[in-house]
Amino acid sequence: MSCRKDTYNAQPSYGYQNEFNDDFNADTHNWSFSDPADSAFVSINNGYLDYYYNPPLKGSNTVAIDIGLNINYNFTLATSIQSNNVMGLAFGVSNAVYGYAFMVDNNGNFALYNEGSASVQPQAILDWQSNPAVKINTWNTLEIDQVGSAWQGYINGTKVFDMQSQPLSGTKIGFIVLNGTEGYADYLTAQW
């Protein structure tokens, strides 16, 4: 089994009633897709979600599933990812908006973006910044907690931001990659 969840302890529980877990040992949540025209592919192999995106034009690609996350109350989302470029945790995604992206790159940086929609461009909430918590050429554990009206972000167990929460409109969560990325996820969990 590939799961690295025991490497970092999640933050304290806030009386959560629901839980979602995917260890990618099978494609039970229908993550896989193939889009040859945009050179975007997701598959589940050997306990990992494999994400490849190398489009002819620059951009990002998101894969997300609806878990029924209650976006109006406290929640915790966590994953372990590794990529050769930029990959992150996507949340608040709906059919109309691309939600938010908590991302790390392979140079030791992280960012938090509002990904916009088909008619609204992505906008930085926390623009790219270096942080020693981000590991290069290996796995990074990302966690975002919504507690009351605050968002707290953690990388490898280190808090990297604590800020006012932003409006959420979607209950889908998943992953985002930027062009030229081959990335992997080891697990995805949610509590709410």
C-alpha atoms as a PDB file:
ATOM      1  CA  MET A   1       0.000   0.000   0.000  1.00  0.00           C
ATOM      2  CA  SER A   2       1.316   3.414  -0.965  1.00  0.00           C
ATOM      3  CA  CYS A   3      -0.479   5.645   1.521  1.00  0.00           C
ATOM      4  CA  ARG A   4       1.726   8.126   3.408  1.00  0.00           C
ATOM      5  CA  LYS A   5      -1.034   9.519   5.647  1.00  0.00           C
ATOM      6  CA  ASP A   6       0.739   8.520   8.838  1.00  0.00           C
ATOM      7  CA  THR A   7       3.685  10.828   8.027  1.00  0.00           C
ATOM      8  CA  TYR A   8       1.871  13.948   9.281  1.00  0.00           C
ATOM      9  CA  ASN A   9      -0.844  14.252  11.877  1.00  0.00           C
ATOM     10  CA  ALA A  10      -3.996  16.054  10.825  1.00  0.00           C
ATOM     11  CA  GLN A  11      -5.052  19.034  12.894  1.00  0.00           C
ATOM     12  CA  PRO A  12      -7.595  18.473  15.705  1.00  0.00           C
ATOM     13  CA  SER A  13     -11.090  17.292  14.777  1.00  0.00           C
ATOM     14  CA  TYR A  14     -13.864  19.878  15.014  1.00  0.00           C
ATOM     15  CA  GLY A  15     -16.733  17.437  15.600  1.00  0.00           C
ATOM     16  CA  TYR A  16     -16.940  16.269  11.992  1.00  0.00           C
ATOM     17  CA  GLN A  17     -19.882  14.057  11.031  1.00  0.00           C
ATOM     18  CA  ASN A  18     -18.783  13.002   7.517  1.00  0.00           C
ATOM     19  CA  GLU A  19     -15.622  11.606   6.023  1.00  0.00           C
ATOM     20  CA  PHE A  20     -14.347  10.910   2.507  1.00  0.00           C
ATOM     21  CA  ASN A  21     -11.215   8.840   1.848  1.00  0.00           C
ATOM     22  CA  ASP A  22      -9.606   7.714  -1.389  1.00  0.00           C
ATOM     23  CA  ASP A  23      -6.298   5.840  -1.365  1.00  0.00           C
ATOM     24  CA  PHE A  24      -6.365   5.308  -5.155  1.00  0.00           C
ATOM     25  CA  ASN A  25      -6.109   1.536  -4.949  1.00  0.00           C
ATOM     26  CA  ALA A  26      -9.008   1.434  -7.435  1.00  0.00           C
ATOM     27  CA  ASP A  27     -10.871   4.022  -9.497  1.00  0.00           C
ATOM     28  CA  THR A  28     -14.024   3.782  -7.380  1.00  0.00           C
ATOM     29  CA  HIS A  29     -14.709   7.541  -7.693  1.00  0.00           C
ATOM     30  CA  ASN A  30     -14.202   7.746 -11.479  1.00  0.00           C
ATOM     31  CA  TRP A  31     -11.171  10.039 -11.550  1.00  0.00           C
ATOM     32  CA  SER A  32      -9.741   8.669 -14.807  1.00  0.00           C
ATOM     33  CA  PHE A  33     -10.129  10.573 -18.046  1.00  0.00           C
ATOM     34  CA  SER A  34      -8.343  10.973 -21.350  1.00  0.00           C
ATOM     35  CA  ASP A  35      -8.320  14.188 -23.391  1.00  0.00           C
ATOM     36  CA  PRO A  36      -5.764  13.678 -26.184  1.00  0.00           C
ATOM     37  CA  ALA A  37      -6.645  16.988 -27.900  1.00  0.00           C
ATOM     38  CA  ASP A  38      -5.550  18.901 -24.770  1.00  0.00           C
ATOM     39  CA  SER A  39      -2.908  16.336 -23.786  1.00  0.00           C
ATOM     40  CA  ALA A  40      -4.553  15.800 -20.370  1.00  0.00           C
ATOM     41  CA  PHE A  41      -4.738  12.352 -18.791  1.00  0.00           C
ATOM     42  CA  VAL A  42      -5.635  11.009 -15.352  1.00  0.00           C
ATOM     43  CA  SER A  43      -5.379   7.355 -14.371  1.00  0.00           C
ATOM     44  CA  ILE A  44      -5.293   5.276 -11.195  1.00  0.00           C
ATOM     45  CA  ASN A  45      -2.276   2.960 -10.977  1.00  0.00           C
ATOM     46  CA  ASN A  46      -0.613   1.053  -8.128  1.00  0.00           C
ATOM     47  CA  GLY A  47      -2.217   3.125  -5.346  1.00  0.00           C
ATOM     48  CA  TYR A  48      -1.620   6.523  -6.975  1.00  0.00           C
ATOM     49  CA  LEU A  49      -3.581   9.019  -9.017  1.00  0.00           C
ATOM     50  CA  ASP A  50      -1.364   9.825 -12.026  1.00  0.00           C
ATOM     51  CA  TYR A  51      -1.968  13.225 -13.663  1.00  0.00           C
ATOM     52  CA  TYR A  52      -0.311  14.241 -16.933  1.00  0.00           C
ATOM     53  CA  TYR A  53      -0.919  17.614 -18.605  1.00  0.00           C
ATOM     54  CA  ASN A  54       1.138  18.933 -21.508  1.00  0.00           C
ATOM     55  CA  PRO A  55      -1.165  21.098 -23.666  1.00  0.00           C
ATOM     56  CA  PRO A  56      -0.180  23.021 -26.778  1.00  0.00           C
ATOM     57  CA  LEU A  57      -1.106  26.286 -24.988  1.00  0.00           C
ATOM     58  CA  LYS A  58      -0.391  27.352 -21.408  1.00  0.00           C
ATOM     59  CA  GLY A  59      -3.059  26.865 -18.789  1.00  0.00           C
ATOM     60  CA  SER A  60      -4.216  24.617 -15.992  1.00  0.00           C
ATOM     61  CA  ASN A  61      -6.311  21.483 -15.763  1.00  0.00           C
ATOM     62  CA  THR A  62      -8.499  20.318 -12.890  1.00  0.00           C
ATOM     63  CA  VAL A  63     -10.036  16.964 -12.064  1.00  0.00           C
ATOM     64  CA  ALA A  64     -12.638  17.092  -9.276  1.00  0.00           C
ATOM     65  CA  ILE A  65     -15.452  14.949  -7.931  1.00  0.00           C
ATOM     66  CA  ASP A  66     -18.525  15.898  -5.935  1.00  0.00           C
ATOM     67  CA  ILE A  67     -18.316  14.520  -2.403  1.00  0.00           C
ATOM     68  CA  GLY A  68     -21.216  16.578  -1.006  1.00  0.00           C
ATOM     69  CA  LEU A  69     -18.855  18.680   1.117  1.00  0.00           C
ATOM     70  CA  ASN A  70     -20.788  21.112   3.326  1.00  0.00           C
ATOM     71  CA  ILE A  71     -18.984  24.337   2.414  1.00  0.00           C
ATOM     72  CA  ASN A  72     -20.861  26.404   5.010  1.00  0.00           C
ATOM     73  CA  TYR A  73     -19.305  24.717   8.054  1.00  0.00           C
ATOM     74  CA  ASN A  74     -15.917  23.547   9.287  1.00  0.00           C
ATOM     75  CA  PHE A  75     -14.013  21.102   7.095  1.00  0.00           C
ATOM     76  CA  THR A  76     -10.546  19.622   6.626  1.00  0.00           C
ATOM     77  CA  LEU A  77      -9.086  18.524   3.283  1.00  0.00           C
ATOM     78  CA  ALA A  78      -5.738  16.748   2.986  1.00  0.00           C
ATOM     79  CA  THR A  79      -3.620  15.062   0.337  1.00  0.00           C
ATOM     80  CA  SER A  80      -0.071  13.977  -0.425  1.00  0.00           C
ATOM     81  CA  ILE A  81       1.246  14.986  -3.870  1.00  0.00           C
ATOM     82  CA  GLN A  82       4.444  14.990  -5.904  1.00  0.00           C
ATOM     83  CA  SER A  83       5.111  16.512  -9.324  1.00  0.00           C
ATOM     84  CA  ASN A  84       7.825  17.660 -11.692  1.00  0.00           C
ATOM     85  CA  ASN A  85       6.269  21.160 -11.930  1.00  0.00           C
ATOM     86  CA  VAL A  86       3.077  22.486 -10.239  1.00  0.00           C
ATOM     87  CA  MET A  87       0.275  20.491  -8.623  1.00  0.00           C
ATOM     88  CA  GLY A  88      -2.251  21.285  -5.950  1.00  0.00           C
ATOM     89  CA  LEU A  89      -5.429  20.587  -4.068  1.00  0.00           C
ATOM     90  CA  ALA A  90      -8.575  21.976  -5.745  1.00  0.00           C
ATOM     91  CA  PHE A  91     -11.690  22.699  -3.673  1.00  0.00           C
ATOM     92  CA  GLY A  92     -14.946  24.610  -3.926  1.00  0.00           C
ATOM     93  CA  VAL A  93     -15.258  23.475  -7.554  1.00  0.00           C
ATOM     94  CA  SER A  94     -18.697  23.441  -9.213  1.00  0.00           C
ATOM     95  CA  ASN A  95     -20.011  23.074 -12.752  1.00  0.00           C
ATOM     96  CA  ALA A  96     -19.884  26.876 -13.112  1.00  0.00           C
ATOM     97  CA  VAL A  97     -16.687  27.856 -11.208  1.00  0.00           C
ATOM     98  CA  TYR A  98     -13.209  26.338 -11.006  1.00  0.00           C
ATOM     99  CA  GLY A  99     -12.959  26.873  -7.243  1.00  0.00           C
ATOM    100  CA  TYR A 100      -9.703  27.432  -5.374  1.00  0.00           C
ATOM    101  CA  ALA A 101      -6.261  25.895  -5.724  1.00  0.00           C
ATOM    102  CA  PHE A 102      -3.721  25.384  -2.928  1.00  0.00           C
ATOM    103  CA  MET A 103      -0.594  24.563  -4.956  1.00  0.00           C
ATOM    104  CA  VAL A 104       3.096  23.775  -4.565  1.00  0.00           C
ATOM    105  CA  ASP A 105       5.784  23.815  -7.214  1.00  0.00           C
ATOM    106  CA  ASN A 106       9.006  21.866  -7.552  1.00  0.00           C
ATOM    107  CA  ASN A 107      11.096  24.928  -6.632  1.00  0.00           C
ATOM    108  CA  GLY A 108       9.952  25.195  -2.992  1.00  0.00           C
ATOM    109  CA  ASN A 109       7.064  27.645  -3.469  1.00  0.00           C
ATOM    110  CA  PHE A 110       3.346  27.613  -2.693  1.00  0.00           C
ATOM    111  CA  ALA A 111       0.325  29.697  -3.700  1.00  0.00           C
ATOM    112  CA  LEU A 112      -3.420  29.958  -3.137  1.00  0.00           C
ATOM    113  CA  TYR A 113      -5.528  30.998  -6.152  1.00  0.00           C
ATOM    114  CA  ASN A 114      -9.158  31.654  -6.941  1.00  0.00           C
ATOM    115  CA  GLU A 115      -9.329  29.764 -10.231  1.00  0.00           C
ATOM    116  CA  GLY A 116     -12.245  31.802 -11.596  1.00  0.00           C
ATOM    117  CA  SER A 117     -14.602  30.455 -14.260  1.00  0.00           C
ATOM    118  CA  ALA A 118     -14.944  30.247 -18.031  1.00  0.00           C
ATOM    119  CA  SER A 119     -15.409  34.035 -18.099  1.00  0.00           C
ATOM    120  CA  VAL A 120     -13.249  35.088 -15.104  1.00  0.00           C
ATOM    121  CA  GLN A 121      -9.449  34.713 -15.059  1.00  0.00           C
ATOM    122  CA  PRO A 122      -7.635  33.108 -12.087  1.00  0.00           C
ATOM    123  CA  GLN A 123      -6.624  35.541  -9.347  1.00  0.00           C
ATOM    124  CA  ALA A 124      -3.970  35.143  -6.658  1.00  0.00           C
ATOM    125  CA  ILE A 125      -5.170  35.210  -3.070  1.00  0.00           C
ATOM    126  CA  LEU A 126      -1.647  34.385  -1.864  1.00  0.00           C
ATOM    127  CA  ASP A 127       0.744  34.736  -4.790  1.00  0.00           C
ATOM    128  CA  TRP A 128       3.707  32.390  -5.219  1.00  0.00           C
ATOM    129  CA  GLN A 129       6.109  32.560  -2.294  1.00  0.00           C
ATOM    130  CA  SER A 130       9.001  30.486  -1.080  1.00  0.00           C
ATOM    131  CA  ASN A 131       8.616  28.441   2.090  1.00  0.00           C
ATOM    132  CA  PRO A 132      11.021  25.928   3.652  1.00  0.00           C
ATOM    133  CA  ALA A 133       8.070  23.634   4.433  1.00  0.00           C
ATOM    134  CA  VAL A 134       7.771  22.807   0.702  1.00  0.00           C
ATOM    135  CA  LYS A 135       9.970  19.832  -0.198  1.00  0.00           C
ATOM    136  CA  ILE A 136      11.573  19.622  -3.644  1.00  0.00           C
ATOM    137  CA  ASN A 137      11.594  16.434  -5.765  1.00  0.00           C
ATOM    138  CA  THR A 138       9.547  14.481  -3.251  1.00  0.00           C
ATOM    139  CA  TRP A 139       6.129  14.227  -1.634  1.00  0.00           C
ATOM    140  CA  ASN A 140       4.352  17.177  -0.009  1.00  0.00           C
ATOM    141  CA  THR A 141       1.335  16.871   2.261  1.00  0.00           C
ATOM    142  CA  LEU A 142      -1.178  19.690   1.818  1.00  0.00           C
ATOM    143  CA  GLU A 143      -4.022  20.398   4.235  1.00  0.00           C
ATOM    144  CA  ILE A 144      -6.581  23.173   4.278  1.00  0.00           C
ATOM    145  CA  ASP A 145      -8.974  23.689   7.181  1.00  0.00           C
ATOM    146  CA  GLN A 146     -12.030  25.897   7.205  1.00  0.00           C
ATOM    147  CA  VAL A 147     -12.680  26.817  10.837  1.00  0.00           C
ATOM    148  CA  GLY A 148     -15.447  29.325  11.338  1.00  0.00           C
ATOM    149  CA  SER A 149     -14.631  32.176   8.978  1.00  0.00           C
ATOM    150  CA  ALA A 150     -10.928  31.316   8.615  1.00  0.00           C
ATOM    151  CA  TRP A 151      -8.826  29.192   6.272  1.00  0.00           C
ATOM    152  CA  GLN A 152      -5.660  27.632   7.627  1.00  0.00           C
ATOM    153  CA  GLY A 153      -3.194  26.027   5.234  1.00  0.00           C
ATOM    154  CA  TYR A 154      -0.533  23.484   6.143  1.00  0.00           C
ATOM    155  CA  ILE A 155       2.347  22.032   4.148  1.00  0.00           C
ATOM    156  CA  ASN A 156       4.018  18.972   5.649  1.00  0.00           C
ATOM    157  CA  GLY A 157       2.496  19.834   9.033  1.00  0.00           C
ATOM    158  CA  THR A 158       3.711  23.458   9.041  1.00  0.00           C
ATOM    159  CA  LYS A 159       1.102  26.235   9.001  1.00  0.00           C
ATOM    160  CA  VAL A 160       1.822  28.475   6.001  1.00  0.00           C
ATOM    161  CA  PHE A 161      -1.264  30.701   6.138  1.00  0.00           C
ATOM    162  CA  ASP A 162      -4.161  31.697   8.381  1.00  0.00           C
ATOM    163  CA  MET A 163      -6.601  34.028   6.660  1.00  0.00           C
ATOM    164  CA  GLN A 164     -10.215  35.064   6.190  1.00  0.00           C
ATOM    165  CA  SER A 165     -12.132  32.366   4.294  1.00  0.00           C
ATOM    166  CA  GLN A 166     -13.365  33.123   0.776  1.00  0.00           C
ATOM    167  CA  PRO A 167     -16.863  32.439  -0.634  1.00  0.00           C
ATOM    168  CA  LEU A 168     -17.293  28.858  -1.848  1.00  0.00           C
ATOM    169  CA  SER A 169     -19.915  27.792  -4.344  1.00  0.00           C
ATOM    170  CA  GLY A 170     -19.058  24.171  -5.149  1.00  0.00           C
ATOM    171  CA  THR A 171     -18.846  20.898  -3.248  1.00  0.00           C
ATOM    172  CA  LYS A 172     -16.307  19.207  -5.545  1.00  0.00           C
ATOM    173  CA  ILE A 173     -12.701  18.554  -4.518  1.00  0.00           C
ATOM    174  CA  GLY A 174      -9.741  17.203  -6.451  1.00  0.00           C
ATOM    175  CA  PHE A 175      -6.478  18.200  -8.042  1.00  0.00           C
ATOM    176  CA  ILE A 176      -5.087  20.913 -10.288  1.00  0.00           C
ATOM    177  CA  VAL A 177      -1.936  20.909 -12.427  1.00  0.00           C
ATOM    178  CA  LEU A 178      -0.330  23.579 -14.576  1.00  0.00           C
ATOM    179  CA  ASN A 179       0.872  22.951 -18.115  1.00  0.00           C
ATOM    180  CA  GLY A 180       3.941  20.761 -18.410  1.00  0.00           C
ATOM    181  CA  THR A 181       3.195  18.780 -15.247  1.00  0.00           C
ATOM    182  CA  GLU A 182       3.381  15.096 -14.495  1.00  0.00           C
ATOM    183  CA  GLY A 183       2.080  14.622 -10.974  1.00  0.00           C
ATOM    184  CA  TYR A 184       0.932  12.004  -8.516  1.00  0.00           C
ATOM    185  CA  ALA A 185      -1.405  11.906  -5.541  1.00  0.00           C
ATOM    186  CA  ASP A 186      -1.143   9.247  -2.853  1.00  0.00           C
ATOM    187  CA  TYR A 187      -4.468   9.869  -1.085  1.00  0.00           C
ATOM    188  CA  LEU A 188      -7.231  12.423  -0.655  1.00  0.00           C
ATOM    189  CA  THR A 189      -9.268  12.824   2.531  1.00  0.00           C
ATOM    190  CA  ALA A 190     -12.020  15.169   3.644  1.00  0.00           C
ATOM    191  CA  GLN A 191     -13.856  15.614   6.928  1.00  0.00           C
ATOM    192  CA  TRP A 192     -16.853  17.868   7.470  1.00  0.00           C
END
